[in-house]
Amino acid sequence: MKNDRSRLLVGLTGGIGSGKSLALSEFKRRGAVTISSDEIAHDQARPGKPAHRAMLRAFETADRGELSSLIFRSPAARKKLESLTHPLILRELKRRISRSKGVVVADVPLLFEKGLASEFDVTLLVTAPESARLKRLKARNLPPGEARRRMKAQLPDSAKAAKSDVVVANAGTKKEFLRRVGQYHEALALMQESPQ
């Protein structure tokens, strides 16, 4: 996916409730091309799509809420769902990237877990304190026990940070976080424009 001089490909990741989606929307607002793996996953799970049919066969449901609860309780179910859906999501992600130019930011929740970091020119991790993440997840009506279970099912921030090119902390105000994202966008745009 990388090594195309017409674009700088950024892999954006972060744990649940970290502010990754907020960062993606700010990159978009500032002019970057943005691609959301979650959006692709939603699309691939629509009735009639291959992922929807595969989920019905494997789990007898394609309901996101039911599947989320199941996969965060059962590593085996999560592995099975990922084996069904991730190849389809990755194929569509690559297709969208191939049609994009400039600074391209792709939101990839399992960037490191799935060994995809080498596909990007830059990897950027959004982190946030556990207390802030739990507060945000509570605002999404996710019970604290379920929120903690989902957070534990993901690779810890410390492990992701060790593998990331850039770490953006989302520990202060929303305004401060968006300003930091904007600064990184400016730096990335300069990198993309400079001769390689």
C-alpha atoms as a PDB file:
ATOM      1  CA  MET A   1       0.000   0.000   0.000  1.00  0.00           C
ATOM      2  CA  LYS A   2       2.860   2.399   0.749  1.00  0.00           C
ATOM      3  CA  ASN A   3       5.798   3.637  -1.385  1.00  0.00           C
ATOM      4  CA  ASP A   4       3.618   5.620  -3.787  1.00  0.00           C
ATOM      5  CA  ARG A   5       5.104   9.127  -4.102  1.00  0.00           C
ATOM      6  CA  SER A   6       1.692  10.646  -4.779  1.00  0.00           C
ATOM      7  CA  ARG A   7       0.591   9.997  -1.190  1.00  0.00           C
ATOM      8  CA  LEU A   8       1.812   9.683   2.379  1.00  0.00           C
ATOM      9  CA  LEU A   9      -0.017   6.783   3.955  1.00  0.00           C
ATOM     10  CA  VAL A  10      -0.708   7.078   7.689  1.00  0.00           C
ATOM     11  CA  GLY A  11      -1.988   4.149   9.739  1.00  0.00           C
ATOM     12  CA  LEU A  12      -4.060   5.552  12.635  1.00  0.00           C
ATOM     13  CA  THR A  13      -4.833   3.317  15.588  1.00  0.00           C
ATOM     14  CA  GLY A  14      -5.831   3.444  19.249  1.00  0.00           C
ATOM     15  CA  GLY A  15      -7.820   1.540  21.824  1.00  0.00           C
ATOM     16  CA  ILE A  16     -11.553   1.777  22.316  1.00  0.00           C
ATOM     17  CA  GLY A  17     -12.529   5.173  23.732  1.00  0.00           C
ATOM     18  CA  SER A  18      -9.114   6.725  23.054  1.00  0.00           C
ATOM     19  CA  GLY A  19     -10.353   9.379  20.611  1.00  0.00           C
ATOM     20  CA  LYS A  20      -9.192   7.731  17.401  1.00  0.00           C
ATOM     21  CA  SER A  21     -12.419   8.590  15.566  1.00  0.00           C
ATOM     22  CA  LEU A  22     -12.173  12.207  16.720  1.00  0.00           C
ATOM     23  CA  ALA A  23      -8.605  12.356  15.382  1.00  0.00           C
ATOM     24  CA  LEU A  24      -9.740  10.891  12.061  1.00  0.00           C
ATOM     25  CA  SER A  25     -12.498  13.480  11.688  1.00  0.00           C
ATOM     26  CA  GLU A  26     -10.029  16.286  12.488  1.00  0.00           C
ATOM     27  CA  PHE A  27      -7.574  15.014   9.875  1.00  0.00           C
ATOM     28  CA  LYS A  28     -10.447  15.050   7.386  1.00  0.00           C
ATOM     29  CA  ARG A  29     -11.494  18.567   8.396  1.00  0.00           C
ATOM     30  CA  ARG A  30      -7.949  19.745   7.755  1.00  0.00           C
ATOM     31  CA  GLY A  31      -7.853  18.283   4.256  1.00  0.00           C
ATOM     32  CA  ALA A  32      -6.462  14.771   4.591  1.00  0.00           C
ATOM     33  CA  VAL A  33      -8.104  11.896   2.756  1.00  0.00           C
ATOM     34  CA  THR A  34      -9.529   9.660   5.477  1.00  0.00           C
ATOM     35  CA  ILE A  35     -10.543   6.026   5.342  1.00  0.00           C
ATOM     36  CA  SER A  36     -12.343   4.306   8.209  1.00  0.00           C
ATOM     37  CA  SER A  37     -11.994   0.552   8.625  1.00  0.00           C
ATOM     38  CA  ASP A  38     -15.047   0.653  10.901  1.00  0.00           C
ATOM     39  CA  GLU A  39     -17.071   2.269   8.117  1.00  0.00           C
ATOM     40  CA  ILE A  40     -15.871  -0.404   5.698  1.00  0.00           C
ATOM     41  CA  ALA A  41     -16.789  -3.106   8.235  1.00  0.00           C
ATOM     42  CA  HIS A  42     -20.306  -1.631   8.595  1.00  0.00           C
ATOM     43  CA  ASP A  43     -20.694  -1.611   4.829  1.00  0.00           C
ATOM     44  CA  GLN A  44     -19.385  -5.163   4.437  1.00  0.00           C
ATOM     45  CA  ALA A  45     -21.865  -6.370   7.089  1.00  0.00           C
ATOM     46  CA  ARG A  46     -24.937  -5.027   5.285  1.00  0.00           C
ATOM     47  CA  PRO A  47     -27.511  -7.602   4.142  1.00  0.00           C
ATOM     48  CA  GLY A  48     -26.506  -9.172   0.862  1.00  0.00           C
ATOM     49  CA  LYS A  49     -22.788  -8.508   1.317  1.00  0.00           C
ATOM     50  CA  PRO A  50     -20.353 -11.451   1.664  1.00  0.00           C
ATOM     51  CA  ALA A  51     -19.441 -10.652   5.292  1.00  0.00           C
ATOM     52  CA  HIS A  52     -23.121 -10.545   6.280  1.00  0.00           C
ATOM     53  CA  ARG A  53     -23.738 -13.975   4.771  1.00  0.00           C
ATOM     54  CA  ALA A  54     -20.588 -15.380   6.420  1.00  0.00           C
ATOM     55  CA  MET A  55     -21.605 -14.046   9.849  1.00  0.00           C
ATOM     56  CA  LEU A  56     -25.090 -15.526   9.541  1.00  0.00           C
ATOM     57  CA  ARG A  57     -23.613 -18.927   8.647  1.00  0.00           C
ATOM     58  CA  ALA A  58     -21.051 -18.852  11.474  1.00  0.00           C
ATOM     59  CA  PHE A  59     -22.979 -17.131  14.289  1.00  0.00           C
ATOM     60  CA  GLU A  60     -26.648 -17.196  13.173  1.00  0.00           C
ATOM     61  CA  THR A  61     -26.694 -13.413  13.607  1.00  0.00           C
ATOM     62  CA  ALA A  62     -25.154 -10.361  11.971  1.00  0.00           C
ATOM     63  CA  ASP A  63     -26.357  -7.938  14.652  1.00  0.00           C
ATOM     64  CA  ARG A  64     -23.415  -5.714  15.652  1.00  0.00           C
ATOM     65  CA  GLY A  65     -24.444  -5.489  19.307  1.00  0.00           C
ATOM     66  CA  GLU A  66     -24.816  -9.231  19.710  1.00  0.00           C
ATOM     67  CA  LEU A  67     -21.572  -9.958  17.887  1.00  0.00           C
ATOM     68  CA  SER A  68     -19.653  -7.322  19.885  1.00  0.00           C
ATOM     69  CA  SER A  69     -20.775  -8.840  23.172  1.00  0.00           C
ATOM     70  CA  LEU A  70     -19.885 -12.322  21.961  1.00  0.00           C
ATOM     71  CA  ILE A  71     -16.428 -11.576  20.568  1.00  0.00           C
ATOM     72  CA  PHE A  72     -15.265  -9.611  23.589  1.00  0.00           C
ATOM     73  CA  ARG A  73     -16.262 -12.534  25.840  1.00  0.00           C
ATOM     74  CA  SER A  74     -14.854 -15.279  23.654  1.00  0.00           C
ATOM     75  CA  PRO A  75     -11.383 -15.100  22.057  1.00  0.00           C
ATOM     76  CA  ALA A  76     -12.304 -18.065  19.856  1.00  0.00           C
ATOM     77  CA  ALA A  77     -15.403 -16.281  18.531  1.00  0.00           C
ATOM     78  CA  ARG A  78     -13.374 -13.106  17.962  1.00  0.00           C
ATOM     79  CA  LYS A  79     -10.749 -15.045  16.010  1.00  0.00           C
ATOM     80  CA  LYS A  80     -13.436 -16.706  13.915  1.00  0.00           C
ATOM     81  CA  LEU A  81     -15.186 -13.409  13.123  1.00  0.00           C
ATOM     82  CA  GLU A  82     -11.879 -11.766  12.203  1.00  0.00           C
ATOM     83  CA  SER A  83     -10.974 -14.630   9.864  1.00  0.00           C
ATOM     84  CA  LEU A  84     -14.299 -14.136   8.064  1.00  0.00           C
ATOM     85  CA  THR A  85     -14.369 -10.354   7.845  1.00  0.00           C
ATOM     86  CA  HIS A  86     -10.809  -9.012   7.895  1.00  0.00           C
ATOM     87  CA  PRO A  87      -9.762 -10.223   4.424  1.00  0.00           C
ATOM     88  CA  LEU A  88     -12.830  -8.474   2.955  1.00  0.00           C
ATOM     89  CA  ILE A  89     -12.182  -5.282   4.929  1.00  0.00           C
ATOM     90  CA  LEU A  90      -8.488  -5.256   4.012  1.00  0.00           C
ATOM     91  CA  ARG A  91      -9.247  -5.713   0.317  1.00  0.00           C
ATOM     92  CA  GLU A  92     -11.641  -2.742   0.340  1.00  0.00           C
ATOM     93  CA  LEU A  93      -9.192  -0.670   2.403  1.00  0.00           C
ATOM     94  CA  LYS A  94      -6.451  -1.275  -0.182  1.00  0.00           C
ATOM     95  CA  ARG A  95      -8.854  -0.419  -3.015  1.00  0.00           C
ATOM     96  CA  ARG A  96      -9.749   2.917  -1.427  1.00  0.00           C
ATOM     97  CA  ILE A  97      -6.108   3.728  -0.693  1.00  0.00           C
ATOM     98  CA  SER A  98      -5.117   2.989  -4.296  1.00  0.00           C
ATOM     99  CA  ARG A  99      -7.523   5.712  -5.457  1.00  0.00           C
ATOM    100  CA  SER A 100      -6.258   8.349  -2.997  1.00  0.00           C
ATOM    101  CA  LYS A 101      -3.554  11.020  -3.189  1.00  0.00           C
ATOM    102  CA  GLY A 102      -1.905  13.421  -0.714  1.00  0.00           C
ATOM    103  CA  VAL A 103      -1.965  12.733   3.018  1.00  0.00           C
ATOM    104  CA  VAL A 104      -4.098   9.608   3.435  1.00  0.00           C
ATOM    105  CA  VAL A 105      -5.067   8.622   6.992  1.00  0.00           C
ATOM    106  CA  ALA A 106      -6.532   5.156   7.423  1.00  0.00           C
ATOM    107  CA  ASP A 107      -8.137   4.246  10.745  1.00  0.00           C
ATOM    108  CA  VAL A 108      -7.054   0.646  11.420  1.00  0.00           C
ATOM    109  CA  PRO A 109      -8.003  -0.528  14.948  1.00  0.00           C
ATOM    110  CA  LEU A 110      -5.930  -3.749  14.750  1.00  0.00           C
ATOM    111  CA  LEU A 111      -2.967  -2.185  12.942  1.00  0.00           C
ATOM    112  CA  PHE A 112      -0.307  -3.903  15.075  1.00  0.00           C
ATOM    113  CA  GLU A 113      -2.289  -6.980  16.086  1.00  0.00           C
ATOM    114  CA  LYS A 114      -2.693  -7.948  12.420  1.00  0.00           C
ATOM    115  CA  GLY A 115       0.868  -7.070  11.397  1.00  0.00           C
ATOM    116  CA  LEU A 116      -0.189  -4.249   9.065  1.00  0.00           C
ATOM    117  CA  ALA A 117       2.208  -1.528  10.274  1.00  0.00           C
ATOM    118  CA  SER A 118       4.700  -2.197   7.463  1.00  0.00           C
ATOM    119  CA  GLU A 119       1.984  -1.324   4.928  1.00  0.00           C
ATOM    120  CA  PHE A 120       2.077   2.336   6.041  1.00  0.00           C
ATOM    121  CA  ASP A 121       4.605   5.141   5.722  1.00  0.00           C
ATOM    122  CA  VAL A 122       3.801   6.412   9.236  1.00  0.00           C
ATOM    123  CA  THR A 123       1.959   4.807  12.153  1.00  0.00           C
ATOM    124  CA  LEU A 124       0.138   7.084  14.597  1.00  0.00           C
ATOM    125  CA  LEU A 125      -1.292   5.924  17.905  1.00  0.00           C
ATOM    126  CA  VAL A 126      -3.909   7.829  19.921  1.00  0.00           C
ATOM    127  CA  THR A 127      -3.728   7.127  23.657  1.00  0.00           C
ATOM    128  CA  ALA A 128      -5.856   8.229  26.599  1.00  0.00           C
ATOM    129  CA  PRO A 129      -5.969   7.463  30.334  1.00  0.00           C
ATOM    130  CA  GLU A 130      -8.183   4.543  31.285  1.00  0.00           C
ATOM    131  CA  SER A 131     -10.431   6.819  33.370  1.00  0.00           C
ATOM    132  CA  ALA A 132     -11.097   9.074  30.375  1.00  0.00           C
ATOM    133  CA  ARG A 133     -11.746   6.098  28.123  1.00  0.00           C
ATOM    134  CA  LEU A 134     -14.219   4.605  30.608  1.00  0.00           C
ATOM    135  CA  LYS A 135     -16.012   7.942  30.888  1.00  0.00           C
ATOM    136  CA  ARG A 136     -16.356   8.182  27.096  1.00  0.00           C
ATOM    137  CA  LEU A 137     -17.580   4.603  26.839  1.00  0.00           C
ATOM    138  CA  LYS A 138     -20.119   5.220  29.622  1.00  0.00           C
ATOM    139  CA  ALA A 139     -21.434   8.150  27.557  1.00  0.00           C
ATOM    140  CA  ARG A 140     -21.957   5.611  24.741  1.00  0.00           C
ATOM    141  CA  ASN A 141     -24.116   3.560  27.157  1.00  0.00           C
ATOM    142  CA  LEU A 142     -21.527   0.804  27.510  1.00  0.00           C
ATOM    143  CA  PRO A 143     -21.621  -0.599  31.072  1.00  0.00           C
ATOM    144  CA  PRO A 144     -18.287  -0.253  32.956  1.00  0.00           C
ATOM    145  CA  GLY A 145     -17.765  -4.023  33.185  1.00  0.00           C
ATOM    146  CA  GLU A 146     -18.289  -4.466  29.453  1.00  0.00           C
ATOM    147  CA  ALA A 147     -16.063  -1.452  28.703  1.00  0.00           C
ATOM    148  CA  ARG A 148     -13.223  -2.894  30.803  1.00  0.00           C
ATOM    149  CA  ARG A 149     -13.633  -6.307  29.163  1.00  0.00           C
ATOM    150  CA  ARG A 150     -13.317  -4.733  25.705  1.00  0.00           C
ATOM    151  CA  MET A 151     -10.298  -2.690  26.752  1.00  0.00           C
ATOM    152  CA  LYS A 152      -8.588  -5.799  28.167  1.00  0.00           C
ATOM    153  CA  ALA A 153      -9.211  -7.690  24.925  1.00  0.00           C
ATOM    154  CA  GLN A 154      -7.053  -5.161  23.043  1.00  0.00           C
ATOM    155  CA  LEU A 155      -3.278  -4.829  22.915  1.00  0.00           C
ATOM    156  CA  PRO A 156      -2.188  -2.428  25.704  1.00  0.00           C
ATOM    157  CA  ASP A 157      -1.229   1.134  24.759  1.00  0.00           C
ATOM    158  CA  SER A 158       2.307   0.549  26.037  1.00  0.00           C
ATOM    159  CA  ALA A 159       2.832  -2.275  23.530  1.00  0.00           C
ATOM    160  CA  LYS A 160       1.351  -0.222  20.690  1.00  0.00           C
ATOM    161  CA  ALA A 161       3.379   2.864  21.645  1.00  0.00           C
ATOM    162  CA  ALA A 162       6.615   0.871  21.409  1.00  0.00           C
ATOM    163  CA  LYS A 163       5.765   0.059  17.781  1.00  0.00           C
ATOM    164  CA  SER A 164       4.338   3.457  16.739  1.00  0.00           C
ATOM    165  CA  ASP A 165       6.142   6.221  14.878  1.00  0.00           C
ATOM    166  CA  VAL A 166       3.983   8.893  16.551  1.00  0.00           C
ATOM    167  CA  VAL A 167       1.990   8.828  19.802  1.00  0.00           C
ATOM    168  CA  VAL A 168      -0.676  11.499  20.357  1.00  0.00           C
ATOM    169  CA  ALA A 169      -1.918  11.694  23.946  1.00  0.00           C
ATOM    170  CA  ASN A 170      -5.578  12.568  24.408  1.00  0.00           C
ATOM    171  CA  ALA A 171      -5.306  13.405  28.097  1.00  0.00           C
ATOM    172  CA  GLY A 172      -6.378  17.067  28.253  1.00  0.00           C
ATOM    173  CA  THR A 173      -9.218  19.019  26.733  1.00  0.00           C
ATOM    174  CA  LYS A 174     -10.800  18.272  23.378  1.00  0.00           C
ATOM    175  CA  LYS A 175      -9.471  21.592  22.075  1.00  0.00           C
ATOM    176  CA  GLU A 176      -5.901  20.698  23.073  1.00  0.00           C
ATOM    177  CA  PHE A 177      -6.182  17.291  21.454  1.00  0.00           C
ATOM    178  CA  LEU A 178      -7.518  18.699  18.187  1.00  0.00           C
ATOM    179  CA  ARG A 179      -4.738  21.289  18.151  1.00  0.00           C
ATOM    180  CA  ARG A 180      -2.129  18.506  18.505  1.00  0.00           C
ATOM    181  CA  VAL A 181      -3.763  16.513  15.708  1.00  0.00           C
ATOM    182  CA  GLY A 182      -3.655  19.652  13.565  1.00  0.00           C
ATOM    183  CA  GLN A 183       0.067  20.080  14.246  1.00  0.00           C
ATOM    184  CA  TYR A 184       0.716  16.517  13.168  1.00  0.00           C
ATOM    185  CA  HIS A 185      -1.368  17.042  10.039  1.00  0.00           C
ATOM    186  CA  GLU A 186       0.802  20.040   9.119  1.00  0.00           C
ATOM    187  CA  ALA A 187       3.963  17.974   9.634  1.00  0.00           C
ATOM    188  CA  LEU A 188       2.597  15.075   7.598  1.00  0.00           C
ATOM    189  CA  ALA A 189       1.594  17.413   4.767  1.00  0.00           C
ATOM    190  CA  LEU A 190       5.136  18.798   4.671  1.00  0.00           C
ATOM    191  CA  MET A 191       6.525  15.258   4.548  1.00  0.00           C
ATOM    192  CA  GLN A 192       4.199  14.367   1.687  1.00  0.00           C
ATOM    193  CA  GLU A 193       5.142  17.457  -0.300  1.00  0.00           C
ATOM    194  CA  SER A 194       8.906  17.067   0.127  1.00  0.00           C
ATOM    195  CA  PRO A 195      10.906  15.072  -2.451  1.00  0.00           C
ATOM    196  CA  GLN A 196      11.369  11.460  -1.468  1.00  0.00           C
END
